[in-house]
Amino acid sequence: MKKNIRFSMLALASILLSGFSMAPAPAAMKDPSLGVQIISDFNSSGSGKLSFEIEMSQEFMTLMKSFGASDDDFTCDTFFESSYDDWEMTEKNRDGALLCTAVTSFEDLDGYEDLIVDDFSGASFSRLEIEDGRFYYDLDPNITGSSAFGEVEEGMGFDIEMYWVLKMPGEVVETNADEKNGQTLKWNILELNSSAHIRAESKIGGTLDPTLMIVAAIGLLCCCGFLVVIAAVVLFLVLRKKNNPAPAAS
C-alpha cells in the first residue's frame, strides 16, 4: 500500500474540523498547541532516518475532548494508519499530552528520494547528491501551507506549528531555511507556497566524526605520555650523572 504522510495530516485536520463544528467549549483553555515535524536526519554517507512527529499538548487534548472528540480519535494508529506498519512507531503519553512518532531508515540518497516522492505526491528534487565533499538538497515539496492546516487554524483557540526539518551532515554553508541551529534547519510548512523550494548545502568535511575525534585524542594522549616517560628518563640520567661525578685521573 502506498504511504502518504499528507493523508495523515489531512486525517488530523478532518478531526479538528469535525470537532470545531460543534458548540464552543464553555471555558477557554490555556495555550493549547499542536505540533507536526517531518525530520530528515542524514549521515555523511547519504544514509539516515526519516521521521514524522505529531505532538499534542495536554491543553490541546483537553480542548478537543471538550468539543466531543473521544480517546479513540487521538491515538497514533489513527494518524499513521496501517500503511505505516513497517515504520518504527512510538506513542508517548505524558500528563495528558500525546507524542506520536513514526521512523524509518534509508541506506542511501536514492532510498530517501523514493520515500519522499512516495509519501508526498508531486514532490520532486531538483538536486539531491553528495559531490566533492558537499551535500546538496533542493526539494520542491509540492506543499502549500494552507492546504494542510492553514484554514483550520484561523479563528481557533490553539496554535499549530508544522516544520520540515533537515539535520545536515557537516557544516551548513548555504540554505534558505527559516531557522538554523548548527546543522539543524527548519522550514515553516504553513508559510510555504506552491513555488517554494527547500534548499540547503553543507560541507561534509567540516565536521569530524566523533569516533575519530575520540581515537585521535586517545592517540595524542598516548604520545604525550610516551614523551613524558622519555623526558623523565633523560632527566633521571642527567641528575644521576651530576650526583656521581667521574673519578679524578691518577
C-alpha atoms as a PDB file:
ATOM      1  CA  MET A   1       0.000   0.000   0.000  1.00  0.00           C
ATOM      2  CA  LYS A   2       1.348   3.388  -0.959  1.00  0.00           C
ATOM      3  CA  LYS A   3       2.177   5.561   2.034  1.00  0.00           C
ATOM      4  CA  ASN A   4       1.402   9.255   2.167  1.00  0.00           C
ATOM      5  CA  ILE A   5       2.195  11.490   5.149  1.00  0.00           C
ATOM      6  CA  ARG A   6      -0.129  14.068   3.641  1.00  0.00           C
ATOM      7  CA  PHE A   7      -3.049  11.682   4.303  1.00  0.00           C
ATOM      8  CA  SER A   8      -2.077  11.581   7.982  1.00  0.00           C
ATOM      9  CA  MET A   9      -2.087  15.375   8.165  1.00  0.00           C
ATOM     10  CA  LEU A  10      -5.434  15.585   6.413  1.00  0.00           C
ATOM     11  CA  ALA A  11      -6.875  12.921   8.730  1.00  0.00           C
ATOM     12  CA  LEU A  12      -5.860  15.035  11.688  1.00  0.00           C
ATOM     13  CA  ALA A  13      -7.294  18.132  10.031  1.00  0.00           C
ATOM     14  CA  SER A  14     -10.629  16.385   9.496  1.00  0.00           C
ATOM     15  CA  ILE A  15     -10.786  15.530  13.199  1.00  0.00           C
ATOM     16  CA  LEU A  16     -10.155  19.176  14.044  1.00  0.00           C
ATOM     17  CA  LEU A  17     -12.819  20.392  11.629  1.00  0.00           C
ATOM     18  CA  SER A  18     -15.441  17.943  12.885  1.00  0.00           C
ATOM     19  CA  GLY A  19     -14.615  18.809  16.471  1.00  0.00           C
ATOM     20  CA  PHE A  20     -14.942  22.553  15.950  1.00  0.00           C
ATOM     21  CA  SER A  21     -18.207  22.223  14.056  1.00  0.00           C
ATOM     22  CA  MET A  22     -19.807  21.799  17.477  1.00  0.00           C
ATOM     23  CA  ALA A  23     -20.686  24.486  20.028  1.00  0.00           C
ATOM     24  CA  PRO A  24     -17.665  26.178  21.627  1.00  0.00           C
ATOM     25  CA  ALA A  25     -16.378  24.978  24.976  1.00  0.00           C
ATOM     26  CA  PRO A  26     -17.626  26.948  27.994  1.00  0.00           C
ATOM     27  CA  ALA A  27     -14.161  27.732  29.316  1.00  0.00           C
ATOM     28  CA  ALA A  28     -11.093  28.819  27.380  1.00  0.00           C
ATOM     29  CA  MET A  29      -8.020  26.620  27.677  1.00  0.00           C
ATOM     30  CA  LYS A  30      -4.526  27.918  28.286  1.00  0.00           C
ATOM     31  CA  ASP A  31      -2.124  27.800  25.342  1.00  0.00           C
ATOM     32  CA  PRO A  32      -3.251  24.569  23.631  1.00  0.00           C
ATOM     33  CA  SER A  33      -0.868  23.586  20.845  1.00  0.00           C
ATOM     34  CA  LEU A  34      -0.423  21.065  18.052  1.00  0.00           C
ATOM     35  CA  GLY A  35       2.997  20.457  16.509  1.00  0.00           C
ATOM     36  CA  VAL A  36       3.952  18.462  13.404  1.00  0.00           C
ATOM     37  CA  GLN A  37       7.511  17.813  12.240  1.00  0.00           C
ATOM     38  CA  ILE A  38       8.875  15.892   9.241  1.00  0.00           C
ATOM     39  CA  ILE A  39      12.518  15.216  10.100  1.00  0.00           C
ATOM     40  CA  SER A  40      15.269  14.011   7.743  1.00  0.00           C
ATOM     41  CA  ASP A  41      18.478  13.060   9.567  1.00  0.00           C
ATOM     42  CA  PHE A  42      21.423  12.449   7.219  1.00  0.00           C
ATOM     43  CA  ASN A  43      24.778  10.772   7.733  1.00  0.00           C
ATOM     44  CA  SER A  44      27.826  11.814   5.708  1.00  0.00           C
ATOM     45  CA  SER A  45      27.449   8.650   3.580  1.00  0.00           C
ATOM     46  CA  GLY A  46      23.916   9.582   2.471  1.00  0.00           C
ATOM     47  CA  SER A  47      22.162   7.090   4.738  1.00  0.00           C
ATOM     48  CA  GLY A  48      19.928   8.198   7.592  1.00  0.00           C
ATOM     49  CA  LYS A  49      16.433   8.278   9.062  1.00  0.00           C
ATOM     50  CA  LEU A  50      13.126   9.877   8.118  1.00  0.00           C
ATOM     51  CA  SER A  51      10.640  10.521  10.906  1.00  0.00           C
ATOM     52  CA  PHE A  52       7.192  12.018  11.238  1.00  0.00           C
ATOM     53  CA  GLU A  53       6.168  13.504  14.613  1.00  0.00           C
ATOM     54  CA  ILE A  54       2.802  14.724  15.870  1.00  0.00           C
ATOM     55  CA  GLU A  55       2.767  16.343  19.309  1.00  0.00           C
ATOM     56  CA  MET A  56      -0.435  17.405  21.056  1.00  0.00           C
ATOM     57  CA  SER A  57      -0.217  19.327  24.313  1.00  0.00           C
ATOM     58  CA  GLN A  58      -2.262  18.473  27.375  1.00  0.00           C
ATOM     59  CA  GLU A  59      -4.313  21.643  26.863  1.00  0.00           C
ATOM     60  CA  PHE A  60      -4.955  20.721  23.233  1.00  0.00           C
ATOM     61  CA  MET A  61      -6.163  17.237  24.160  1.00  0.00           C
ATOM     62  CA  THR A  62      -8.463  18.632  26.835  1.00  0.00           C
ATOM     63  CA  LEU A  63      -9.816  21.250  24.434  1.00  0.00           C
ATOM     64  CA  MET A  64     -10.590  18.713  21.719  1.00  0.00           C
ATOM     65  CA  LYS A  65     -12.352  16.408  24.185  1.00  0.00           C
ATOM     66  CA  SER A  66     -14.466  19.352  25.289  1.00  0.00           C
ATOM     67  CA  PHE A  67     -15.692  19.569  21.688  1.00  0.00           C
ATOM     68  CA  GLY A  68     -16.752  15.936  21.672  1.00  0.00           C
ATOM     69  CA  ALA A  69     -13.625  14.128  20.479  1.00  0.00           C
ATOM     70  CA  SER A  70     -13.068  10.739  22.106  1.00  0.00           C
ATOM     71  CA  ASP A  71      -9.909   8.941  23.209  1.00  0.00           C
ATOM     72  CA  ASP A  72     -10.253   6.705  20.140  1.00  0.00           C
ATOM     73  CA  ASP A  73      -9.889   9.768  17.906  1.00  0.00           C
ATOM     74  CA  PHE A  74      -6.474  10.543  19.387  1.00  0.00           C
ATOM     75  CA  THR A  75      -4.240   7.517  19.039  1.00  0.00           C
ATOM     76  CA  CYS A  76      -1.093   7.227  16.929  1.00  0.00           C
ATOM     77  CA  ASP A  77      -2.713   4.482  14.842  1.00  0.00           C
ATOM     78  CA  THR A  78      -5.416   6.984  13.847  1.00  0.00           C
ATOM     79  CA  PHE A  79      -2.892   9.318  12.255  1.00  0.00           C
ATOM     80  CA  PHE A  80      -0.351   6.893  10.816  1.00  0.00           C
ATOM     81  CA  GLU A  81      -2.859   4.238   9.681  1.00  0.00           C
ATOM     82  CA  SER A  82      -1.947   0.691   8.670  1.00  0.00           C
ATOM     83  CA  SER A  83       0.210   1.870   5.748  1.00  0.00           C
ATOM     84  CA  TYR A  84       3.000   2.742   8.214  1.00  0.00           C
ATOM     85  CA  ASP A  85       3.199  -0.680   9.844  1.00  0.00           C
ATOM     86  CA  ASP A  86       6.734  -1.190   8.545  1.00  0.00           C
ATOM     87  CA  TRP A  87       7.886   2.050  10.220  1.00  0.00           C
ATOM     88  CA  GLU A  88       9.003   2.059  13.851  1.00  0.00           C
ATOM     89  CA  MET A  89       6.166   3.739  15.730  1.00  0.00           C
ATOM     90  CA  THR A  90       6.171   5.054  19.292  1.00  0.00           C
ATOM     91  CA  GLU A  91       3.404   6.614  21.364  1.00  0.00           C
ATOM     92  CA  LYS A  92       4.208   8.617  24.478  1.00  0.00           C
ATOM     93  CA  ASN A  93       1.622   9.940  26.926  1.00  0.00           C
ATOM     94  CA  ARG A  94       2.841  12.436  29.491  1.00  0.00           C
ATOM     95  CA  ASP A  95       0.455  14.247  31.841  1.00  0.00           C
ATOM     96  CA  GLY A  96      -2.292  14.184  29.245  1.00  0.00           C
ATOM     97  CA  ALA A  97      -0.090  15.205  26.312  1.00  0.00           C
ATOM     98  CA  LEU A  98       0.469  12.848  23.375  1.00  0.00           C
ATOM     99  CA  LEU A  99       3.540  12.422  21.144  1.00  0.00           C
ATOM    100  CA  CYS A 100       3.311  10.127  18.111  1.00  0.00           C
ATOM    101  CA  THR A 101       6.441   9.259  16.152  1.00  0.00           C
ATOM    102  CA  ALA A 102       6.950   7.073  13.074  1.00  0.00           C
ATOM    103  CA  VAL A 103      10.535   6.433  11.928  1.00  0.00           C
ATOM    104  CA  THR A 104      12.090   4.584   9.011  1.00  0.00           C
ATOM    105  CA  SER A 105      15.676   4.358   7.755  1.00  0.00           C
ATOM    106  CA  PHE A 106      17.223   4.683   4.304  1.00  0.00           C
ATOM    107  CA  GLU A 107      20.524   3.282   3.049  1.00  0.00           C
ATOM    108  CA  ASP A 108      21.367   5.979   0.506  1.00  0.00           C
ATOM    109  CA  LEU A 109      20.009   9.120  -1.134  1.00  0.00           C
ATOM    110  CA  ASP A 110      18.136   7.124  -3.765  1.00  0.00           C
ATOM    111  CA  GLY A 111      16.268   5.351  -0.988  1.00  0.00           C
ATOM    112  CA  TYR A 112      15.496   8.684   0.674  1.00  0.00           C
ATOM    113  CA  GLU A 113      14.213  10.181  -2.557  1.00  0.00           C
ATOM    114  CA  ASP A 114      11.896   7.195  -3.026  1.00  0.00           C
ATOM    115  CA  LEU A 115      10.477   7.749   0.466  1.00  0.00           C
ATOM    116  CA  ILE A 116       9.813  11.451  -0.092  1.00  0.00           C
ATOM    117  CA  VAL A 117       8.301  11.022  -3.554  1.00  0.00           C
ATOM    118  CA  ASP A 118       6.160   8.143  -2.261  1.00  0.00           C
ATOM    119  CA  ASP A 119       4.971   9.991   0.848  1.00  0.00           C
ATOM    120  CA  PHE A 120       4.415  13.388  -0.774  1.00  0.00           C
ATOM    121  CA  SER A 121       2.569  13.096  -4.039  1.00  0.00           C
ATOM    122  CA  GLY A 122       4.023  15.511  -6.582  1.00  0.00           C
ATOM    123  CA  ALA A 123       7.201  16.262  -4.611  1.00  0.00           C
ATOM    124  CA  SER A 124      10.373  16.337  -6.711  1.00  0.00           C
ATOM    125  CA  PHE A 125      14.075  17.011  -6.242  1.00  0.00           C
ATOM    126  CA  SER A 126      15.980  19.471  -8.382  1.00  0.00           C
ATOM    127  CA  ARG A 127      19.159  18.239  -6.722  1.00  0.00           C
ATOM    128  CA  LEU A 128      19.960  15.606  -4.119  1.00  0.00           C
ATOM    129  CA  GLU A 129      23.544  14.400  -4.125  1.00  0.00           C
ATOM    130  CA  ILE A 130      26.930  14.262  -2.457  1.00  0.00           C
ATOM    131  CA  GLU A 131      29.667  15.624  -4.700  1.00  0.00           C
ATOM    132  CA  ASP A 132      33.227  16.826  -3.982  1.00  0.00           C
ATOM    133  CA  GLY A 133      32.677  16.742  -0.232  1.00  0.00           C
ATOM    134  CA  ARG A 134      29.429  18.736  -0.417  1.00  0.00           C
ATOM    135  CA  PHE A 135      25.862  17.638   0.308  1.00  0.00           C
ATOM    136  CA  TYR A 136      23.229  19.293  -1.882  1.00  0.00           C
ATOM    137  CA  TYR A 137      19.493  19.329  -1.111  1.00  0.00           C
ATOM    138  CA  ASP A 138      16.943  21.119  -3.315  1.00  0.00           C
ATOM    139  CA  LEU A 139      13.336  19.947  -2.989  1.00  0.00           C
ATOM    140  CA  ASP A 140      10.046  21.162  -4.402  1.00  0.00           C
ATOM    141  CA  PRO A 141       7.783  19.608  -1.725  1.00  0.00           C
ATOM    142  CA  ASN A 142       4.558  20.424  -3.591  1.00  0.00           C
ATOM    143  CA  ILE A 143       3.039  21.619  -0.319  1.00  0.00           C
ATOM    144  CA  THR A 144       1.015  24.775   0.153  1.00  0.00           C
ATOM    145  CA  GLY A 145       0.728  25.574   3.840  1.00  0.00           C
ATOM    146  CA  SER A 146      -2.960  26.466   3.744  1.00  0.00           C
ATOM    147  CA  SER A 147      -3.811  23.116   2.108  1.00  0.00           C
ATOM    148  CA  ALA A 148      -2.932  21.266   5.321  1.00  0.00           C
ATOM    149  CA  PHE A 149      -3.870  23.206   8.450  1.00  0.00           C
ATOM    150  CA  GLY A 150      -3.822  26.846   7.409  1.00  0.00           C
ATOM    151  CA  GLU A 151      -7.570  27.233   7.030  1.00  0.00           C
ATOM    152  CA  VAL A 152      -8.187  25.110  10.130  1.00  0.00           C
ATOM    153  CA  GLU A 153      -6.011  27.298  12.321  1.00  0.00           C
ATOM    154  CA  GLU A 154      -7.795  30.575  11.583  1.00  0.00           C
ATOM    155  CA  GLY A 155     -10.096  31.680  14.391  1.00  0.00           C
ATOM    156  CA  MET A 156      -9.338  28.690  16.610  1.00  0.00           C
ATOM    157  CA  GLY A 157      -8.075  28.927  20.141  1.00  0.00           C
ATOM    158  CA  PHE A 158      -4.860  26.977  19.738  1.00  0.00           C
ATOM    159  CA  ASP A 159      -1.513  27.197  17.965  1.00  0.00           C
ATOM    160  CA  ILE A 160      -0.475  24.957  15.086  1.00  0.00           C
ATOM    161  CA  GLU A 161       3.166  24.539  14.098  1.00  0.00           C
ATOM    162  CA  MET A 162       4.378  22.463  11.157  1.00  0.00           C
ATOM    163  CA  TYR A 163       8.045  22.165  10.226  1.00  0.00           C
ATOM    164  CA  TRP A 164      10.169  20.468   7.615  1.00  0.00           C
ATOM    165  CA  VAL A 165      13.423  19.671   9.418  1.00  0.00           C
ATOM    166  CA  LEU A 166      16.804  18.717   7.943  1.00  0.00           C
ATOM    167  CA  LYS A 167      19.680  17.514  10.099  1.00  0.00           C
ATOM    168  CA  MET A 168      22.560  18.093   7.718  1.00  0.00           C
ATOM    169  CA  PRO A 169      25.806  16.126   7.518  1.00  0.00           C
ATOM    170  CA  GLY A 170      28.546  18.653   8.207  1.00  0.00           C
ATOM    171  CA  GLU A 171      28.752  22.439   8.325  1.00  0.00           C
ATOM    172  CA  VAL A 172      25.871  24.265   6.623  1.00  0.00           C
ATOM    173  CA  VAL A 173      27.274  26.713   4.059  1.00  0.00           C
ATOM    174  CA  GLU A 174      24.091  27.819   2.292  1.00  0.00           C
ATOM    175  CA  THR A 175      20.352  27.500   2.916  1.00  0.00           C
ATOM    176  CA  ASN A 176      17.008  29.292   2.624  1.00  0.00           C
ATOM    177  CA  ALA A 177      15.758  27.794   5.902  1.00  0.00           C
ATOM    178  CA  ASP A 178      13.558  29.836   8.228  1.00  0.00           C
ATOM    179  CA  GLU A 179      15.584  28.696  11.240  1.00  0.00           C
ATOM    180  CA  LYS A 180      19.155  27.465  11.607  1.00  0.00           C
ATOM    181  CA  ASN A 181      20.680  25.905  14.720  1.00  0.00           C
ATOM    182  CA  GLY A 182      24.066  24.388  13.933  1.00  0.00           C
ATOM    183  CA  GLN A 183      23.440  21.545  11.488  1.00  0.00           C
ATOM    184  CA  THR A 184      19.656  21.547  12.070  1.00  0.00           C
ATOM    185  CA  LEU A 185      17.494  23.516   9.629  1.00  0.00           C
ATOM    186  CA  LYS A 186      13.764  24.259   9.801  1.00  0.00           C
ATOM    187  CA  TRP A 187      11.192  25.446   7.281  1.00  0.00           C
ATOM    188  CA  ASN A 188       7.713  26.557   8.364  1.00  0.00           C
ATOM    189  CA  ILE A 189       5.382  24.423   6.247  1.00  0.00           C
ATOM    190  CA  LEU A 190       2.418  26.716   6.909  1.00  0.00           C
ATOM    191  CA  GLU A 191       4.257  29.544   5.133  1.00  0.00           C
ATOM    192  CA  LEU A 192       5.194  27.552   2.027  1.00  0.00           C
ATOM    193  CA  ASN A 193       3.572  28.431  -1.290  1.00  0.00           C
ATOM    194  CA  SER A 194       3.210  26.447  -4.494  1.00  0.00           C
ATOM    195  CA  SER A 195       6.566  27.648  -5.860  1.00  0.00           C
ATOM    196  CA  ALA A 196       8.595  27.220  -2.664  1.00  0.00           C
ATOM    197  CA  HIS A 197      11.770  25.143  -2.625  1.00  0.00           C
ATOM    198  CA  ILE A 198      13.605  23.704   0.357  1.00  0.00           C
ATOM    199  CA  ARG A 199      17.319  24.293  -0.269  1.00  0.00           C
ATOM    200  CA  ALA A 200      20.462  23.550   1.717  1.00  0.00           C
ATOM    201  CA  GLU A 201      24.119  22.818   1.143  1.00  0.00           C
ATOM    202  CA  SER A 202      26.642  21.533   3.651  1.00  0.00           C
ATOM    203  CA  LYS A 203      30.349  20.861   3.708  1.00  0.00           C
ATOM    204  CA  ILE A 204      30.676  17.274   4.838  1.00  0.00           C
ATOM    205  CA  GLY A 205      34.346  17.625   5.733  1.00  0.00           C
ATOM    206  CA  GLY A 206      33.552  20.486   8.097  1.00  0.00           C
ATOM    207  CA  THR A 207      32.554  18.229  10.971  1.00  0.00           C
ATOM    208  CA  LEU A 208      34.728  15.398  12.233  1.00  0.00           C
ATOM    209  CA  ASP A 209      33.264  12.033  13.108  1.00  0.00           C
ATOM    210  CA  PRO A 210      33.008  11.913  16.947  1.00  0.00           C
ATOM    211  CA  THR A 211      34.510   8.401  16.970  1.00  0.00           C
ATOM    212  CA  LEU A 212      37.526   9.560  15.004  1.00  0.00           C
ATOM    213  CA  MET A 213      37.925  12.523  17.343  1.00  0.00           C
ATOM    214  CA  ILE A 214      37.968  10.192  20.365  1.00  0.00           C
ATOM    215  CA  VAL A 215      40.506   7.878  18.725  1.00  0.00           C
ATOM    216  CA  ALA A 216      42.697  10.855  17.803  1.00  0.00           C
ATOM    217  CA  ALA A 217      42.501  12.224  21.349  1.00  0.00           C
ATOM    218  CA  ILE A 218      43.486   8.856  22.830  1.00  0.00           C
ATOM    219  CA  GLY A 219      46.379   8.623  20.383  1.00  0.00           C
ATOM    220  CA  LEU A 220      47.534  12.130  21.305  1.00  0.00           C
ATOM    221  CA  LEU A 221      47.387  11.321  24.998  1.00  0.00           C
ATOM    222  CA  CYS A 222      49.393   8.147  24.444  1.00  0.00           C
ATOM    223  CA  CYS A 223      52.037  10.080  22.505  1.00  0.00           C
ATOM    224  CA  CYS A 224      52.205  12.731  25.212  1.00  0.00           C
ATOM    225  CA  GLY A 225      52.531  10.043  27.856  1.00  0.00           C
ATOM    226  CA  PHE A 226      55.340   8.400  25.930  1.00  0.00           C
ATOM    227  CA  LEU A 227      57.164  11.725  25.598  1.00  0.00           C
ATOM    228  CA  VAL A 228      56.783  12.346  29.333  1.00  0.00           C
ATOM    229  CA  VAL A 229      58.336   8.960  30.089  1.00  0.00           C
ATOM    230  CA  ILE A 230      61.265   9.694  27.755  1.00  0.00           C
ATOM    231  CA  ALA A 231      61.760  13.125  29.333  1.00  0.00           C
ATOM    232  CA  ALA A 232      61.699  11.604  32.818  1.00  0.00           C
ATOM    233  CA  VAL A 233      64.321   9.007  31.888  1.00  0.00           C
ATOM    234  CA  VAL A 234      66.606  11.675  30.337  1.00  0.00           C
ATOM    235  CA  LEU A 235      66.214  13.902  33.399  1.00  0.00           C
ATOM    236  CA  PHE A 236      66.995  10.968  35.697  1.00  0.00           C
ATOM    237  CA  LEU A 237      70.175  10.147  33.784  1.00  0.00           C
ATOM    238  CA  VAL A 238      71.310  13.798  33.798  1.00  0.00           C
ATOM    239  CA  LEU A 239      70.765  14.183  37.537  1.00  0.00           C
ATOM    240  CA  ARG A 240      72.451  10.870  38.228  1.00  0.00           C
ATOM    241  CA  LYS A 241      75.497  11.991  36.254  1.00  0.00           C
ATOM    242  CA  LYS A 242      75.661  15.241  38.207  1.00  0.00           C
ATOM    243  CA  ASN A 243      75.396  13.432  41.537  1.00  0.00           C
ATOM    244  CA  ASN A 244      78.047  10.908  40.561  1.00  0.00           C
ATOM    245  CA  PRO A 245      80.973  12.872  39.046  1.00  0.00           C
ATOM    246  CA  ALA A 246      83.618  10.913  37.223  1.00  0.00           C
ATOM    247  CA  PRO A 247      86.678   9.943  39.391  1.00  0.00           C
ATOM    248  CA  ALA A 248      89.778  12.126  39.032  1.00  0.00           C
ATOM    249  CA  ALA A 249      92.580  10.798  36.847  1.00  0.00           C
ATOM    250  CA  SER A 250      95.595   9.409  38.809  1.00  0.00           C
END
